[in-house]
Every structure is written in structure tokens, then in C-alpha cells.
Amino acid sequence: MTIGSQVSEADARRLPLSETRVLLGVGLAIALVAGLVFRVVGQLVLVPSRPLVTAVVFALTVPAMWALAVGVFRWRGLSGGAKREAAALLVVPGMLVDAVSTALFSLVYPNMGLEAAGLFGGLLLLAYATVLVAGFVGQ
């Protein structure tokens, strides 16, 4: 017996192309807004010499990204396999944008010291992981 053969018919359905485009667009918009926010205030919230502030930012990221993901899933009326697919579609644009922005960290984020790059990368991974987990658990 294989687990793959036990996938329900509802989970096997794919999102329509129009929904895929909406989710990719929403993901891109979120990534661009987040990038702009860190371009403006990143030097205030990701400072290695201020670990308490950084810890609070990391701690707040999980519920914020969870609420954002669940809100998008509800707004689009998604559940089951569609929610899992949506989670991936939401994070892919940001991951692509951030692959470039982290590689060019000093150029994209001149307001933050290079010593904050690791914190920034960790925060990005935490945010993307939270959205993906939100797509795989709950209703």
C-alpha cells in the first residue's frame, strides 16, 4: 500500500491558472512591501548589538506571517491541497526576490550594517517556513 495512492480527489485538483497568478502576485506584493519596510527601518530592528529587539522581531514574525497566510487562504476560499499549493505560490516570489536582495545585501539595504545580513536571512527563512507550515496544518 502506498500513501501516494491514498490522496483524495479534492487534494489532487490543481488551482486554476487565474488563482495561481493571483497568489503569485500577492506573494510578490508582500515581498516588495516587506523589502521596502526593511529598507526604511531595518537598521532599527535587526541590530546584532540589540538582541532583545531582534528576538522580539523574530517572535512577532511567526504570528504575523501565520495570520497573513491564513487570511489569504480564507480570502481565496482555499482548503486542503489547494491551501498547500497556495502556500508555496505565496513564498516563491519572495524567495526569488530575496535571493537577489540578500546576495546584494549592502547595495539593497545600505541602511543596515553587513553584520545584520545573517539576521536578515534567518528572519526570511523563518517567515517563509511559517507560511509553508500554515498551508499544511489546520483547516
Protein backbone atom coordinates (compact mmCIF):
# COMPACT_ATOMS: atom_id res chain seq x y z
CA MET A 1 0.00 0.00 0.00
CA THR A 2 1.38 3.42 -0.93
CA ILE A 3 0.47 6.66 0.70
CA GLY A 4 0.51 8.49 -2.63
CA SER A 5 -2.40 6.42 -3.91
CA GLN A 6 -4.50 7.48 -0.93
CA VAL A 7 -4.60 11.16 -1.89
CA SER A 8 -8.21 12.29 -2.03
CA GLU A 9 -9.71 13.58 -5.25
CA ALA A 10 -10.12 17.05 -3.72
CA ASP A 11 -6.42 17.19 -2.81
CA ALA A 12 -5.42 16.04 -6.31
CA ARG A 13 -7.08 19.02 -8.01
CA ARG A 14 -4.83 21.85 -9.05
CA LEU A 15 -5.51 25.54 -8.64
CA PRO A 16 -6.70 27.23 -11.82
CA LEU A 17 -4.16 29.40 -13.63
CA SER A 18 -6.03 32.57 -12.69
CA GLU A 19 -5.79 31.69 -8.98
CA THR A 20 -2.11 30.80 -9.38
CA ARG A 21 -1.47 34.24 -10.86
CA VAL A 22 -3.34 35.97 -8.02
CA LEU A 23 -1.34 34.10 -5.38
CA LEU A 24 1.97 34.76 -7.11
CA GLY A 25 1.03 38.44 -7.35
CA VAL A 26 0.06 38.60 -3.68
CA GLY A 27 3.33 36.89 -2.74
CA LEU A 28 5.31 39.34 -4.84
CA ALA A 29 3.46 42.32 -3.34
CA ILE A 30 4.13 41.08 0.19
CA ALA A 31 7.82 40.56 -0.60
CA LEU A 32 8.20 44.02 -2.11
CA VAL A 33 6.42 45.74 0.78
CA ALA A 34 8.49 43.79 3.32
CA GLY A 35 11.67 44.71 1.45
CA LEU A 36 10.68 48.36 1.49
CA VAL A 37 9.93 48.21 5.21
CA PHE A 38 13.36 46.75 5.93
CA ARG A 39 14.94 49.31 3.63
CA VAL A 40 13.41 52.02 5.80
CA VAL A 41 13.57 50.60 9.34
CA GLY A 42 15.81 47.54 9.12
CA GLN A 43 18.66 49.30 10.92
CA LEU A 44 16.35 49.78 13.91
CA VAL A 45 15.09 46.21 14.26
CA LEU A 46 17.94 43.94 13.13
CA VAL A 47 20.93 45.03 15.15
CA PRO A 48 23.22 42.31 16.47
CA SER A 49 24.15 44.53 19.44
CA ARG A 50 20.45 44.73 20.44
CA PRO A 51 19.49 41.05 20.79
CA LEU A 52 16.28 41.73 22.71
CA VAL A 53 14.85 43.89 19.91
CA THR A 54 15.91 41.32 17.34
CA ALA A 55 14.35 38.50 19.38
CA VAL A 56 11.07 40.39 19.58
CA VAL A 57 11.08 40.89 15.80
CA PHE A 58 11.69 37.16 15.28
CA ALA A 59 8.98 36.26 17.80
CA LEU A 60 6.43 38.59 16.19
CA THR A 61 7.22 37.31 12.71
CA VAL A 62 5.67 33.90 13.32
CA PRO A 63 2.16 35.03 14.32
CA ALA A 64 2.22 37.87 11.78
CA MET A 65 3.10 35.59 8.86
CA TRP A 66 0.71 32.91 10.10
CA ALA A 67 -2.16 35.41 10.24
CA LEU A 68 -1.24 36.77 6.81
CA ALA A 69 -1.18 33.29 5.26
CA VAL A 70 -4.41 32.16 6.90
CA GLY A 71 -6.04 35.43 5.87
CA VAL A 72 -5.07 34.87 2.24
CA PHE A 73 -6.31 31.25 2.38
CA ARG A 74 -9.68 32.38 3.76
CA TRP A 75 -9.93 35.32 1.35
CA ARG A 76 -9.41 32.96 -1.57
CA GLY A 77 -11.62 30.20 -0.07
CA LEU A 78 -8.84 27.61 -0.05
CA SER A 79 -8.52 24.37 1.90
CA GLY A 80 -6.76 21.02 1.71
CA GLY A 81 -4.39 20.56 -1.20
CA ALA A 82 -5.25 23.97 -2.61
CA LYS A 83 -4.04 25.58 0.60
CA ARG A 84 -0.74 23.72 0.40
CA GLU A 85 -0.26 24.77 -3.21
CA ALA A 86 -1.19 28.34 -2.30
CA ALA A 87 1.41 28.44 0.47
CA ALA A 88 4.13 27.51 -2.00
CA LEU A 89 2.88 30.06 -4.52
CA LEU A 90 2.87 32.78 -1.86
CA VAL A 91 6.51 32.24 -0.88
CA VAL A 92 8.14 31.62 -4.26
CA PRO A 93 8.16 35.25 -5.49
CA GLY A 94 9.68 36.46 -2.24
CA MET A 95 12.27 33.73 -2.24
CA LEU A 96 13.32 34.71 -5.76
CA VAL A 97 13.45 38.42 -4.91
CA ASP A 98 15.30 37.75 -1.67
CA ALA A 99 17.84 35.50 -3.38
CA VAL A 100 18.98 38.66 -5.17
CA SER A 101 18.45 41.10 -2.30
CA THR A 102 20.49 39.02 0.15
CA ALA A 103 23.27 38.44 -2.39
CA LEU A 104 23.42 42.20 -2.90
CA PHE A 105 22.66 42.98 0.75
CA SER A 106 24.91 46.05 1.10
CA LEU A 107 23.55 47.57 -2.10
CA VAL A 108 19.85 46.84 -1.46
CA TYR A 109 19.94 47.58 2.28
CA PRO A 110 22.63 50.25 2.79
CA ASN A 111 20.79 51.31 5.94
CA MET A 112 21.76 48.05 7.65
CA GLY A 113 25.28 47.00 8.54
CA LEU A 114 26.68 43.91 6.90
CA GLU A 115 26.70 42.25 10.33
CA ALA A 116 22.87 42.21 10.15
CA ALA A 117 22.83 40.14 6.94
CA GLY A 118 22.73 36.83 8.81
CA LEU A 119 19.87 38.01 10.99
CA PHE A 120 18.01 39.19 7.91
CA GLY A 121 18.49 35.84 6.15
CA GLY A 122 17.35 33.98 9.24
CA LEU A 123 14.27 36.15 9.53
CA LEU A 124 13.41 35.50 5.87
CA LEU A 125 13.71 31.74 6.38
CA LEU A 126 11.51 31.94 9.47
CA ALA A 127 8.86 33.94 7.60
CA TYR A 128 8.78 31.60 4.61
CA ALA A 129 8.74 28.49 6.78
CA THR A 130 5.81 29.88 8.77
CA VAL A 131 3.74 30.44 5.62
CA LEU A 132 4.54 26.94 4.35
CA VAL A 133 3.62 25.31 7.67
CA ALA A 134 0.39 27.31 7.77
CA GLY A 135 -0.50 25.79 4.40
CA PHE A 136 -0.03 22.26 5.67
CA VAL A 137 -1.78 22.37 9.03
CA GLY A 138 -5.16 23.38 10.34
CA GLN A 139 -8.39 23.52 8.46
